[in-house]
Amino acid sequence: MNKYMKIFIYSLFGVFWIFGTDFLATQYINDIQSLLFIQQLKGVAFVILSSFFIYYAFVKKEESEAAKAEKEKLEILINSMIDFVNFKDGQGRWTKANDFALKLFKIEHVDYIGKTDSQLGEYSEFYRDAFLYCEASDEEAWKFGKTSRCLEQIPTPDGSIKTFDTIKVPLFHEDGSRKELVVMGRDITEQVKAEQKLEKSRQNYKSLFEFNPEVVFIVNRNGHVLELNPKFKEMTGYDTADFIDQSILTIITNESKQKVIEAFNQILYEKKIWVNEEVEILHKDGNKRVFRCTAVPTVINQEVRGAIGYAMDITKEKETEERLRKTEKLSVVGELAASVAHEIRNPLTSIKGFLQFMQSNDNKNQSYYQIMLDELERINQISSELLALGKPREVHFKQCDLNQIIVSVMWLLESQANLYNVKIDYTKEDDLPLLYCESNQIKQLFVNIIKNSIEASAKNISIHVGVKHGNLQITIVDDGSGIANERLERLGEPFYSSKEKGTGLGLTVSYKIVEVHKGHIHFNSTINEGTRVTIDLPTLQSQ
């Protein structure tokens, strides 16, 4: 009914009221005073009835239309939402749900209003368990008494599972009784999958970082360390925590420091990759270690933020290469020795024989003959050392007492030690395990080392024998002139010697003897303070 019809009806009613009530009053009331009172009462009644009419005809209708409009807006709003929206009364009965919720549970054809979750489950065999779960979850929300949030998983007919970030808002009457439950759920399935994928990627990165057999490092643009994996401590001896937000340059040797700085600048400003470069690191124990390093720029939003890389300790590899180089050099020397030594010894024998014959018949030039014979003997010793390198003799190992070998060497060198006023100190050790060796070679090893100490102006030489890690460890310490660091690195090379008449073959032979016996030899020396030689040889039990 439109407003014009309402006005017409109101006007018709007004005319009927005025004339109708007047007619009735004049018919039944004769008293003027009473008639006036009735007229006033009639006017008041007309005003009241008019007010009710206007309120219900216009104001109430406008309020109703406004409420209807708001309801329509609410329906449009919740139906346009990509979220699950559901309203339930205090008994868990559905009062309103958006299209998303109806489609989710496949109940678009069901008159859901006034039905509980368990009742709606009867209409959907597949979603019955999901409805029962929602009903139990709603009860928990009522008990909690205030807005709650949880993740709910809903299966789908295609076998996948949808995950919803659900918010439940319970509303109560003033007396505390349940009034309404508002349920809103957002489908975050793709977000959850992305987070799972990100977490998997993070775990893969963590595994690659933490369990990498090489040192992995991340630095910022300032060269300060952001992350280091546990391998760093194993390879350098330093705690990773000590270098976080610190520069790594503090443990890089001066020889490698400039190269590292230049490479880092190329990474930052030229995006150049640094591949398999060798860098010397100072280990916590004070020794130098060689690392093979690779580093690439860390680029975020087209901007270089630092570098990430890895490093591997190749010290043993370099030592192996050095030993191989020495071995190859020894091989060349051996081939040379095999062809030269015999050619030298034959004429030497003849020359020495004639010199001895001439010496016996010439008393006037005895000093000259002796000098020539000494030099010939020196040539003979050199050729013997060459033959030892060129044609190694077959080695026969047997059980030997190291004490007896050392005492025998001291007896052999006693006259030379006395000549140079050198004191050799050795205290026999009891209960030493037997050494499985070729005794003559071990004697030659000790003779070469002790002679070097004597020729290095040592006045005191001490020999100590002990057992370490199942091996016999022999330590020979002198107070001679010492060996420079650059020479230490080349010890054992053929023909490398600092002595005026040295050939460099003595230590070469010594190194080879230790290698044949599967042992190790190490030199520590300080200029003008002395030298310590440590030899580790396997015992009979460790063979």
Protein backbone atom coordinates (compact mmCIF):
# COMPACT_ATOMS: atom_id res chain seq x y z
CA MET A 1 0.00 0.00 0.00
CA ASN A 2 1.54 3.31 -1.11
CA LYS A 3 1.46 6.52 0.86
CA TYR A 4 -1.32 8.15 -1.27
CA MET A 5 -3.73 5.36 -0.50
CA LYS A 6 -2.85 5.69 3.19
CA ILE A 7 -3.59 9.45 3.07
CA PHE A 8 -6.92 8.83 1.36
CA ILE A 9 -7.94 6.25 3.95
CA TYR A 10 -6.81 8.59 6.76
CA SER A 11 -8.88 11.49 5.28
CA LEU A 12 -11.95 9.28 4.82
CA PHE A 13 -11.61 8.06 8.39
CA GLY A 14 -11.29 11.67 9.62
CA VAL A 15 -14.47 12.77 7.86
CA PHE A 16 -16.36 9.76 9.14
CA TRP A 17 -15.04 10.35 12.65
CA ILE A 18 -16.00 14.02 12.74
CA PHE A 19 -19.51 13.76 11.26
CA GLY A 20 -20.28 10.32 12.59
CA THR A 21 -19.39 11.12 16.21
CA ASP A 22 -21.20 14.47 16.01
CA PHE A 23 -24.36 12.79 14.77
CA LEU A 24 -24.26 10.17 17.53
CA ALA A 25 -23.62 12.84 20.21
CA THR A 26 -26.60 15.00 19.19
CA GLN A 27 -28.88 12.01 19.07
CA TYR A 28 -28.18 10.72 22.54
CA ILE A 29 -26.96 13.73 24.59
CA ASN A 30 -29.21 16.72 25.26
CA ASP A 31 -27.18 18.42 27.96
CA ILE A 32 -25.03 21.22 26.55
CA GLN A 33 -22.27 20.74 29.16
CA SER A 34 -22.08 17.01 28.51
CA LEU A 35 -22.07 17.60 24.78
CA LEU A 36 -19.11 19.99 25.07
CA PHE A 37 -17.20 17.47 27.21
CA ILE A 38 -17.87 14.72 24.65
CA GLN A 39 -16.62 17.00 21.87
CA GLN A 40 -13.34 17.61 23.74
CA LEU A 41 -12.94 13.93 24.53
CA LYS A 42 -13.61 13.11 20.89
CA GLY A 43 -10.90 15.58 19.82
CA VAL A 44 -8.34 14.01 22.18
CA ALA A 45 -9.24 10.52 20.95
CA PHE A 46 -8.88 11.68 17.34
CA VAL A 47 -5.42 13.08 18.03
CA ILE A 48 -4.32 9.85 19.72
CA LEU A 49 -5.70 7.69 16.92
CA SER A 50 -4.07 10.01 14.37
CA SER A 51 -0.71 9.63 16.13
CA PHE A 52 -0.97 5.83 16.08
CA PHE A 53 -1.95 5.92 12.44
CA ILE A 54 0.91 8.20 11.43
CA TYR A 55 3.44 6.11 13.46
CA TYR A 56 2.41 2.76 12.03
CA ALA A 57 1.69 4.04 8.55
CA PHE A 58 4.87 6.03 8.06
CA VAL A 59 7.47 5.90 10.87
CA LYS A 60 7.18 2.18 11.61
CA LYS A 61 7.20 1.36 7.95
CA GLU A 62 10.33 3.42 7.41
CA GLU A 63 12.02 1.65 10.33
CA SER A 64 10.93 -1.70 8.92
CA GLU A 65 12.18 -0.77 5.49
CA ALA A 66 15.44 0.47 6.98
CA ALA A 67 15.85 -2.79 8.90
CA LYS A 68 15.06 -4.73 5.75
CA ALA A 69 17.61 -2.69 3.83
CA GLU A 70 20.25 -3.31 6.51
CA LYS A 71 19.40 -7.01 6.43
CA GLU A 72 19.82 -7.06 2.68
CA LYS A 73 23.11 -5.22 2.97
CA LEU A 74 24.27 -7.75 5.57
CA GLU A 75 23.29 -10.64 3.32
CA ILE A 76 25.07 -9.06 0.37
CA LEU A 77 28.11 -8.45 2.55
CA ILE A 78 28.41 -11.94 4.02
CA ASN A 79 27.62 -13.61 0.68
CA SER A 80 30.29 -11.60 -1.08
CA MET A 81 32.89 -12.55 1.51
CA ILE A 82 35.41 -15.24 0.66
CA ASP A 83 35.13 -16.39 4.24
CA PHE A 84 32.90 -18.93 5.91
CA VAL A 85 30.26 -17.02 7.95
CA ASN A 86 27.70 -18.69 10.18
CA PHE A 87 25.35 -17.53 12.95
CA LYS A 88 23.96 -19.94 15.54
CA ASP A 89 21.59 -19.39 18.45
CA GLY A 90 22.27 -20.36 22.04
CA GLN A 91 21.20 -23.98 21.35
CA GLY A 92 23.56 -24.35 18.40
CA ARG A 93 20.88 -24.03 15.75
CA TRP A 94 21.83 -22.32 12.51
CA THR A 95 20.11 -18.95 12.03
CA LYS A 96 22.12 -17.55 9.16
CA ALA A 97 24.92 -18.71 6.85
CA ASN A 98 26.48 -17.26 3.74
CA ASP A 99 26.63 -18.99 0.37
CA PHE A 100 30.27 -19.98 0.91
CA ALA A 101 29.33 -21.99 4.03
CA LEU A 102 26.42 -23.69 2.27
CA LYS A 103 28.55 -24.64 -0.73
CA LEU A 104 31.39 -25.82 1.49
CA PHE A 105 29.19 -28.41 3.19
CA LYS A 106 27.09 -29.11 0.07
CA ILE A 107 23.80 -28.11 1.79
CA GLU A 108 22.59 -25.42 -0.63
CA HIS A 109 19.34 -27.40 -1.09
CA VAL A 110 18.71 -27.82 2.65
CA ASP A 111 16.48 -25.57 4.77
CA TYR A 112 19.18 -25.14 7.39
CA ILE A 113 17.53 -22.52 9.62
CA GLY A 114 16.75 -23.96 13.06
CA LYS A 115 18.88 -27.07 12.58
CA THR A 116 21.99 -28.03 14.57
CA ASP A 117 25.25 -29.30 13.13
CA SER A 118 24.46 -32.90 13.99
CA GLN A 119 21.05 -32.57 12.28
CA LEU A 120 22.62 -31.06 9.18
CA GLY A 121 25.08 -33.96 9.16
CA GLU A 122 22.15 -36.24 8.31
CA TYR A 123 21.85 -34.44 4.96
CA SER A 124 25.50 -34.95 4.03
CA GLU A 125 27.05 -38.38 4.57
CA PHE A 126 30.49 -37.15 3.57
CA TYR A 127 30.51 -34.14 5.93
CA ARG A 128 28.86 -35.84 8.91
CA ASP A 129 32.11 -36.15 10.86
CA ALA A 130 33.01 -32.56 9.99
CA PHE A 131 29.65 -31.33 11.36
CA LEU A 132 30.14 -33.31 14.57
CA TYR A 133 33.64 -31.87 14.93
CA CYS A 134 32.29 -28.32 14.47
CA GLU A 135 29.63 -28.97 17.10
CA ALA A 136 32.27 -30.08 19.60
CA SER A 137 34.49 -27.13 18.69
CA ASP A 138 31.55 -24.71 19.22
CA GLU A 139 31.01 -26.14 22.70
CA GLU A 140 34.64 -25.39 23.54
CA ALA A 141 34.14 -21.81 22.33
CA TRP A 142 31.07 -21.40 24.60
CA LYS A 143 33.06 -22.72 27.56
CA PHE A 144 35.94 -20.37 26.80
CA GLY A 145 33.48 -17.49 27.08
CA LYS A 146 35.21 -15.00 24.81
CA THR A 147 36.49 -14.62 21.28
CA SER A 148 38.67 -17.60 20.34
CA ARG A 149 40.71 -18.55 17.31
CA CYS A 150 41.68 -21.95 16.01
CA LEU A 151 42.62 -23.88 12.87
CA GLU A 152 40.01 -26.27 11.54
CA GLN A 153 40.51 -28.76 8.75
CA ILE A 154 37.63 -29.74 6.48
CA PRO A 155 37.99 -32.67 4.02
CA THR A 156 36.72 -32.32 0.47
CA PRO A 157 35.31 -34.98 -1.87
CA ASP A 158 38.37 -34.79 -4.14
CA GLY A 159 40.55 -36.07 -1.29
CA SER A 160 42.20 -32.78 -0.40
CA ILE A 161 41.86 -30.99 2.92
CA LYS A 162 40.95 -27.34 3.36
CA THR A 163 42.36 -25.48 6.34
CA PHE A 164 40.38 -22.63 7.91
CA ASP A 165 41.56 -19.95 10.29
CA THR A 166 38.37 -19.83 12.37
CA ILE A 167 37.23 -17.10 14.78
CA LYS A 168 34.33 -17.84 17.12
CA VAL A 169 32.55 -15.06 19.04
CA PRO A 170 30.08 -16.20 21.75
CA LEU A 171 27.41 -13.65 22.81
CA PHE A 172 25.51 -13.90 26.11
CA HIS A 173 22.34 -12.39 27.61
CA GLU A 174 22.60 -10.17 30.67
CA ASP A 175 21.73 -13.14 32.87
CA GLY A 176 24.67 -15.10 31.44
CA SER A 177 22.63 -17.45 29.27
CA ARG A 178 23.77 -18.20 25.76
CA LYS A 179 22.46 -15.83 23.12
CA GLU A 180 24.28 -16.28 19.82
CA LEU A 181 27.51 -17.70 18.37
CA VAL A 182 29.16 -15.99 15.42
CA VAL A 183 31.54 -18.23 13.45
CA MET A 184 33.88 -16.85 10.76
CA GLY A 185 36.47 -18.95 8.98
CA ARG A 186 38.95 -17.95 6.28
CA ASP A 187 40.30 -20.52 3.86
CA ILE A 188 44.08 -20.44 4.38
CA THR A 189 44.83 -23.71 2.60
CA GLU A 190 47.16 -22.09 0.06
CA GLN A 191 48.83 -20.05 2.78
CA VAL A 192 49.40 -23.20 4.84
CA LYS A 193 50.85 -24.97 1.79
CA ALA A 194 53.11 -22.00 1.12
CA GLU A 195 54.23 -21.97 4.76
CA GLN A 196 54.86 -25.72 4.64
CA LYS A 197 56.83 -25.29 1.45
CA LEU A 198 58.76 -22.42 3.02
CA GLU A 199 59.41 -24.49 6.15
CA LYS A 200 60.60 -27.40 4.02
CA SER A 201 62.89 -25.03 2.15
CA ARG A 202 64.09 -23.64 5.48
CA GLN A 203 64.79 -27.15 6.77
CA ASN A 204 66.65 -28.03 3.58
CA TYR A 205 68.70 -24.87 3.94
CA LYS A 206 69.35 -25.63 7.60
CA SER A 207 70.50 -29.16 6.75
CA LEU A 208 72.69 -27.88 3.94
CA PHE A 209 74.10 -25.20 6.22
CA GLU A 210 74.59 -27.08 9.49
CA PHE A 211 75.61 -30.49 8.15
CA ASN A 212 77.73 -29.32 5.26
CA PRO A 213 81.18 -31.00 5.33
CA GLU A 214 82.70 -27.62 4.48
CA VAL A 215 82.74 -24.30 6.33
CA VAL A 216 79.74 -22.23 5.19
CA PHE A 217 79.76 -18.50 5.90
CA ILE A 218 77.50 -15.50 5.26
CA VAL A 219 78.83 -11.94 5.56
CA ASN A 220 77.20 -8.53 5.12
CA ARG A 221 78.46 -5.59 3.04
CA ASN A 222 80.76 -4.53 5.86
CA GLY A 223 82.46 -7.91 5.83
CA HIS A 224 81.01 -8.84 9.22
CA VAL A 225 79.95 -12.43 9.75
CA LEU A 226 76.20 -13.06 9.91
CA GLU A 227 76.24 -16.86 10.07
CA LEU A 228 78.78 -19.66 10.41
CA ASN A 229 78.06 -23.37 10.43
CA PRO A 230 79.46 -25.76 13.10
CA LYS A 231 82.22 -26.93 10.74
CA PHE A 232 83.98 -23.61 11.34
CA LYS A 233 84.96 -24.58 14.89
CA GLU A 234 86.06 -28.04 13.80
CA MET A 235 88.36 -26.68 11.09
CA THR A 236 89.69 -23.54 12.79
CA GLY A 237 89.39 -24.26 16.50
CA TYR A 238 87.49 -21.01 17.16
CA ASP A 239 83.95 -20.75 18.53
CA THR A 240 81.46 -19.50 15.94
CA ALA A 241 79.90 -17.14 18.50
CA ASP A 242 83.20 -15.23 18.76
CA PHE A 243 82.98 -14.16 15.11
CA ILE A 244 79.29 -13.29 14.72
CA ASP A 245 79.07 -9.61 13.74
CA GLN A 246 82.87 -9.53 13.59
CA SER A 247 85.35 -9.48 10.70
CA ILE A 248 86.90 -12.77 9.64
CA LEU A 249 90.11 -10.97 8.59
CA THR A 250 91.55 -11.36 12.08
CA ILE A 251 92.39 -15.03 11.46
CA ILE A 252 93.56 -14.64 7.86
CA THR A 253 97.35 -14.47 7.44
CA ASN A 254 98.99 -11.29 6.20
CA GLU A 255 99.99 -13.09 2.99
CA SER A 256 96.32 -13.77 2.11
CA LYS A 257 94.61 -10.75 3.66
CA GLN A 258 94.97 -8.37 0.72
CA LYS A 259 93.79 -11.02 -1.74
CA VAL A 260 90.65 -11.61 0.34
CA ILE A 261 89.88 -7.87 0.56
CA GLU A 262 90.25 -7.42 -3.20
CA ALA A 263 88.06 -10.44 -3.91
CA PHE A 264 85.33 -9.19 -1.53
CA ASN A 265 85.31 -5.78 -3.23
CA GLN A 266 84.92 -7.48 -6.62
CA ILE A 267 81.95 -9.44 -5.26
CA LEU A 268 80.29 -6.28 -3.92
CA TYR A 269 80.87 -3.91 -6.81
CA GLU A 270 81.26 -6.19 -9.85
CA LYS A 271 79.15 -9.17 -8.73
CA LYS A 272 82.14 -11.32 -9.58
CA ILE A 273 82.23 -14.90 -8.27
CA TRP A 274 85.30 -16.01 -6.35
CA VAL A 275 86.00 -19.68 -7.14
CA ASN A 276 88.46 -22.15 -5.57
CA GLU A 277 90.95 -19.59 -4.31
CA GLU A 278 93.49 -20.64 -1.70
CA VAL A 279 93.61 -18.67 1.55
CA GLU A 280 95.86 -19.19 4.56
CA ILE A 281 94.11 -19.23 7.94
CA LEU A 282 95.68 -19.06 11.40
CA HIS A 283 94.31 -22.00 13.40
CA LYS A 284 93.66 -21.50 17.08
CA ASP A 285 96.60 -23.85 17.82
CA GLY A 286 98.91 -21.33 16.12
CA ASN A 287 99.53 -23.34 12.94
CA LYS A 288 98.70 -22.16 9.45
CA ARG A 289 96.01 -23.98 7.49
CA VAL A 290 95.28 -23.68 3.80
CA PHE A 291 91.62 -23.31 2.80
CA ARG A 292 90.12 -23.49 -0.67
CA CYS A 293 87.39 -20.83 -0.76
CA THR A 294 84.46 -20.03 -3.04
CA ALA A 295 82.14 -17.04 -2.55
CA VAL A 296 79.21 -15.54 -4.47
CA PRO A 297 77.29 -12.28 -3.99
CA THR A 298 74.08 -12.27 -1.94
CA VAL A 299 71.61 -10.31 -4.11
CA ILE A 300 68.30 -9.06 -2.68
CA ASN A 301 66.06 -6.80 -4.81
CA GLN A 302 68.83 -6.37 -7.37
CA GLU A 303 71.18 -5.08 -4.64
CA VAL A 304 74.27 -6.87 -3.36
CA ARG A 305 73.84 -7.21 0.39
CA GLY A 306 76.97 -9.24 1.10
CA ALA A 307 78.39 -12.65 0.22
CA ILE A 308 77.83 -16.31 0.92
CA GLY A 309 80.43 -18.97 0.43
CA TYR A 310 82.13 -22.10 1.61
CA ALA A 311 85.66 -23.15 2.44
CA MET A 312 87.44 -26.48 2.73
CA ASP A 313 90.61 -27.22 4.68
CA ILE A 314 93.06 -28.56 2.07
CA THR A 315 96.14 -28.47 4.27
CA LYS A 316 96.56 -32.24 4.15
CA GLU A 317 95.94 -32.19 0.41
CA LYS A 318 98.69 -29.60 -0.03
CA GLU A 319 101.01 -31.62 2.18
CA THR A 320 100.27 -34.68 0.07
CA GLU A 321 101.03 -32.69 -3.08
CA GLU A 322 104.28 -31.54 -1.52
CA ARG A 323 105.21 -35.10 -0.60
CA LEU A 324 104.35 -36.20 -4.12
CA ARG A 325 106.53 -33.44 -5.52
CA LYS A 326 109.40 -34.56 -3.32
CA THR A 327 108.79 -38.17 -4.31
CA GLU A 328 108.92 -37.25 -7.98
CA LYS A 329 112.12 -35.35 -7.34
CA LEU A 330 113.53 -38.36 -5.53
CA SER A 331 112.58 -40.51 -8.49
CA VAL A 332 114.52 -38.24 -10.82
CA VAL A 333 117.46 -38.27 -8.41
CA GLY A 334 117.25 -42.07 -8.24
CA GLU A 335 117.45 -42.40 -12.00
CA LEU A 336 120.37 -39.99 -12.05
CA ALA A 337 122.07 -41.82 -9.18
CA ALA A 338 121.76 -45.22 -10.88
CA SER A 339 123.57 -43.97 -13.98
CA VAL A 340 126.14 -41.75 -12.29
CA ALA A 341 127.18 -43.50 -9.06
CA HIS A 342 128.75 -46.53 -10.73
CA GLU A 343 130.52 -44.33 -13.26
CA ILE A 344 132.02 -42.34 -10.40
CA ARG A 345 133.06 -45.24 -8.15
CA ASN A 346 135.17 -47.12 -10.68
CA PRO A 347 137.59 -44.28 -11.46
CA LEU A 348 137.54 -43.30 -7.78
CA THR A 349 138.87 -46.70 -6.82
CA SER A 350 141.72 -46.39 -9.30
CA ILE A 351 142.59 -42.84 -8.32
CA LYS A 352 142.50 -43.66 -4.61
CA GLY A 353 144.73 -46.70 -5.15
CA PHE A 354 147.39 -44.76 -7.08
CA LEU A 355 147.27 -41.91 -4.52
CA GLN A 356 147.87 -44.35 -1.67
CA PHE A 357 150.77 -45.92 -3.64
CA MET A 358 152.32 -42.49 -4.32
CA GLN A 359 151.76 -41.46 -0.68
CA SER A 360 153.73 -44.46 0.56
CA ASN A 361 156.70 -43.49 -1.63
CA ASP A 362 156.71 -39.75 -1.06
CA ASN A 363 157.27 -38.54 2.50
CA LYS A 364 157.68 -34.93 1.45
CA ASN A 365 154.07 -34.21 0.31
CA GLN A 366 152.09 -36.24 2.81
CA SER A 367 149.72 -33.36 3.66
CA TYR A 368 148.72 -32.94 0.01
CA TYR A 369 148.08 -36.63 -0.41
CA GLN A 370 145.92 -36.67 2.72
CA ILE A 371 143.81 -33.73 1.45
CA MET A 372 143.26 -35.52 -1.89
CA LEU A 373 142.36 -38.79 -0.15
CA ASP A 374 139.88 -36.98 2.15
CA GLU A 375 138.20 -35.33 -0.81
CA LEU A 376 138.05 -38.65 -2.65
CA GLU A 377 136.44 -40.19 0.43
CA ARG A 378 133.89 -37.38 0.43
CA ILE A 379 133.11 -38.09 -3.23
CA ASN A 380 132.76 -41.75 -2.33
CA GLN A 381 130.26 -40.91 0.47
CA ILE A 382 128.21 -38.78 -1.93
CA SER A 383 128.08 -41.60 -4.46
CA SER A 384 127.05 -43.99 -1.68
CA GLU A 385 124.18 -41.71 -0.74
CA LEU A 386 123.20 -41.46 -4.40
CA LEU A 387 123.19 -45.25 -4.66
CA ALA A 388 121.04 -45.46 -1.53
CA LEU A 389 118.48 -43.24 -3.25
CA GLY A 390 118.79 -44.77 -6.70
CA LYS A 391 118.80 -48.43 -5.78
CA PRO A 392 117.10 -48.98 -2.44
CA ARG A 393 118.13 -52.22 -0.85
CA GLU A 394 115.62 -54.84 0.14
CA VAL A 395 114.53 -54.12 3.70
CA HIS A 396 114.22 -56.92 6.24
CA PHE A 397 112.21 -55.91 9.30
CA LYS A 398 112.64 -57.54 12.66
CA GLN A 399 111.96 -56.87 16.32
CA CYS A 400 114.51 -54.46 17.76
CA ASP A 401 115.19 -52.80 21.09
CA LEU A 402 115.26 -49.03 20.51
CA ASN A 403 117.49 -48.51 23.56
CA GLN A 404 120.22 -50.66 22.02
CA ILE A 405 119.95 -48.83 18.69
CA ILE A 406 120.32 -45.39 20.31
CA VAL A 407 123.24 -46.50 22.52
CA SER A 408 124.94 -47.91 19.41
CA VAL A 409 124.47 -44.58 17.56
CA MET A 410 125.88 -42.64 20.53
CA TRP A 411 128.94 -44.90 20.51
CA LEU A 412 129.43 -44.31 16.77
CA LEU A 413 129.22 -40.52 17.20
CA GLU A 414 131.16 -40.31 20.46
CA SER A 415 134.45 -39.29 18.85
CA GLN A 416 132.84 -36.58 16.68
CA ALA A 417 130.90 -35.26 19.67
CA ASN A 418 134.09 -35.08 21.75
CA LEU A 419 135.88 -33.34 18.90
CA TYR A 420 133.30 -30.52 18.86
CA ASN A 421 132.80 -30.56 22.66
CA VAL A 422 129.15 -31.65 22.36
CA LYS A 423 127.30 -33.36 25.20
CA ILE A 424 124.73 -35.99 24.18
CA ASP A 425 122.29 -36.87 26.95
CA TYR A 426 120.13 -39.99 26.87
CA THR A 427 118.60 -41.96 29.71
CA LYS A 428 117.55 -45.50 28.89
CA GLU A 429 113.83 -46.09 29.22
CA ASP A 430 112.68 -49.39 30.66
CA ASP A 431 109.68 -51.39 29.45
CA LEU A 432 109.64 -49.82 26.00
CA PRO A 433 107.71 -51.85 23.41
CA LEU A 434 109.79 -53.47 20.69
CA LEU A 435 110.27 -51.60 17.43
CA TYR A 436 109.52 -53.44 14.19
CA CYS A 437 112.18 -52.04 11.89
CA GLU A 438 115.36 -52.44 9.84
CA SER A 439 117.93 -51.57 12.51
CA ASN A 440 120.66 -50.29 10.16
CA GLN A 441 118.28 -47.83 8.55
CA ILE A 442 117.07 -46.57 11.95
CA LYS A 443 120.70 -46.12 13.00
CA GLN A 444 121.36 -44.17 9.78
CA LEU A 445 118.29 -42.00 10.56
CA PHE A 446 119.55 -41.08 14.07
CA VAL A 447 123.14 -40.60 12.85
CA ASN A 448 121.99 -38.10 10.16
CA ILE A 449 119.90 -36.05 12.59
CA ILE A 450 122.46 -35.99 15.43
CA LYS A 451 125.28 -35.13 13.00
CA ASN A 452 123.20 -32.20 11.73
CA SER A 453 122.84 -30.99 15.33
CA ILE A 454 126.58 -31.23 15.90
CA GLU A 455 127.31 -29.37 12.65
CA ALA A 456 124.76 -26.68 13.69
CA SER A 457 127.08 -25.69 16.58
CA ALA A 458 124.98 -27.40 19.25
CA LYS A 459 126.67 -27.94 22.62
CA ASN A 460 123.90 -29.98 24.23
CA ILE A 461 121.80 -32.66 22.58
CA SER A 462 119.10 -34.51 24.52
CA ILE A 463 117.27 -37.63 23.38
CA HIS A 464 113.99 -38.71 24.89
CA VAL A 465 111.90 -41.78 24.04
CA GLY A 466 108.28 -42.35 25.05
CA VAL A 467 105.05 -43.97 23.93
CA LYS A 468 102.27 -41.88 22.41
CA HIS A 469 99.08 -43.13 20.75
CA GLY A 470 100.57 -46.62 20.46
CA ASN A 471 103.72 -45.40 18.69
CA LEU A 472 107.28 -44.90 19.88
CA GLN A 473 108.00 -41.18 19.90
CA ILE A 474 111.65 -40.13 19.76
CA THR A 475 112.42 -36.47 20.47
CA ILE A 476 115.90 -35.05 19.72
CA VAL A 477 116.46 -31.50 21.01
CA ASP A 478 119.58 -29.36 20.50
CA ASP A 479 120.65 -25.80 21.35
CA GLY A 480 122.28 -25.10 18.02
CA SER A 481 121.90 -22.24 15.58
CA GLY A 482 118.38 -23.26 14.51
CA ILE A 483 116.70 -23.36 11.10
CA ALA A 484 114.89 -20.48 9.40
CA ASN A 485 111.19 -20.94 8.60
CA GLU A 486 111.69 -20.76 4.85
CA ARG A 487 114.25 -23.58 5.09
CA LEU A 488 112.01 -25.73 7.30
CA GLU A 489 109.51 -25.97 4.46
CA ARG A 490 112.15 -27.42 2.12
CA LEU A 491 113.79 -29.91 4.46
CA GLY A 492 114.14 -33.32 2.81
CA GLU A 493 114.51 -31.98 -0.71
CA PRO A 494 117.47 -33.51 -2.55
CA PHE A 495 120.47 -31.20 -3.00
CA TYR A 496 118.99 -28.54 -0.71
CA SER A 497 121.47 -27.70 2.06
CA SER A 498 122.71 -24.62 3.87
CA LYS A 499 126.03 -26.22 4.76
CA GLU A 500 129.03 -25.27 2.68
CA LYS A 501 129.89 -28.87 1.83
CA GLY A 502 126.43 -30.34 2.26
CA THR A 503 124.57 -32.20 -0.47
CA GLY A 504 121.11 -32.16 1.09
CA LEU A 505 120.92 -35.93 0.65
CA GLY A 506 121.25 -36.82 4.34
CA LEU A 507 117.78 -35.59 5.32
CA THR A 508 116.37 -36.86 2.03
CA VAL A 509 117.50 -40.34 3.01
CA SER A 510 116.18 -39.78 6.55
CA TYR A 511 112.73 -38.83 5.30
CA LYS A 512 112.69 -41.89 3.07
CA ILE A 513 113.64 -44.17 5.96
CA VAL A 514 110.79 -42.79 8.08
CA GLU A 515 108.38 -43.23 5.16
CA VAL A 516 109.45 -46.86 4.64
CA HIS A 517 108.78 -47.51 8.34
CA LYS A 518 105.31 -45.88 8.06
CA GLY A 519 106.26 -43.21 10.56
CA HIS A 520 106.29 -39.42 10.73
CA ILE A 521 109.03 -36.85 11.23
CA HIS A 522 108.54 -33.22 12.19
CA PHE A 523 110.96 -30.31 12.73
CA ASN A 524 110.40 -27.28 15.02
CA SER A 525 113.14 -24.72 15.15
CA THR A 526 113.95 -21.19 16.33
CA ILE A 527 116.93 -19.23 15.10
CA ASN A 528 119.75 -19.04 17.72
CA GLU A 529 117.73 -21.16 20.16
CA GLY A 530 117.80 -24.66 18.74
CA THR A 531 115.84 -27.36 16.98
CA ARG A 532 113.42 -30.08 18.08
CA VAL A 533 112.99 -33.16 15.90
CA THR A 534 110.02 -35.43 16.66
CA ILE A 535 109.91 -38.91 15.13
CA ASP A 536 106.94 -41.26 15.49
CA LEU A 537 107.54 -44.91 14.63
CA PRO A 538 105.00 -47.75 14.92
CA THR A 539 105.68 -50.43 17.53
CA LEU A 540 105.41 -54.17 17.02
CA GLN A 541 101.92 -54.17 18.59
CA SER A 542 100.63 -51.40 16.31
CA GLN A 543 101.69 -53.08 13.08
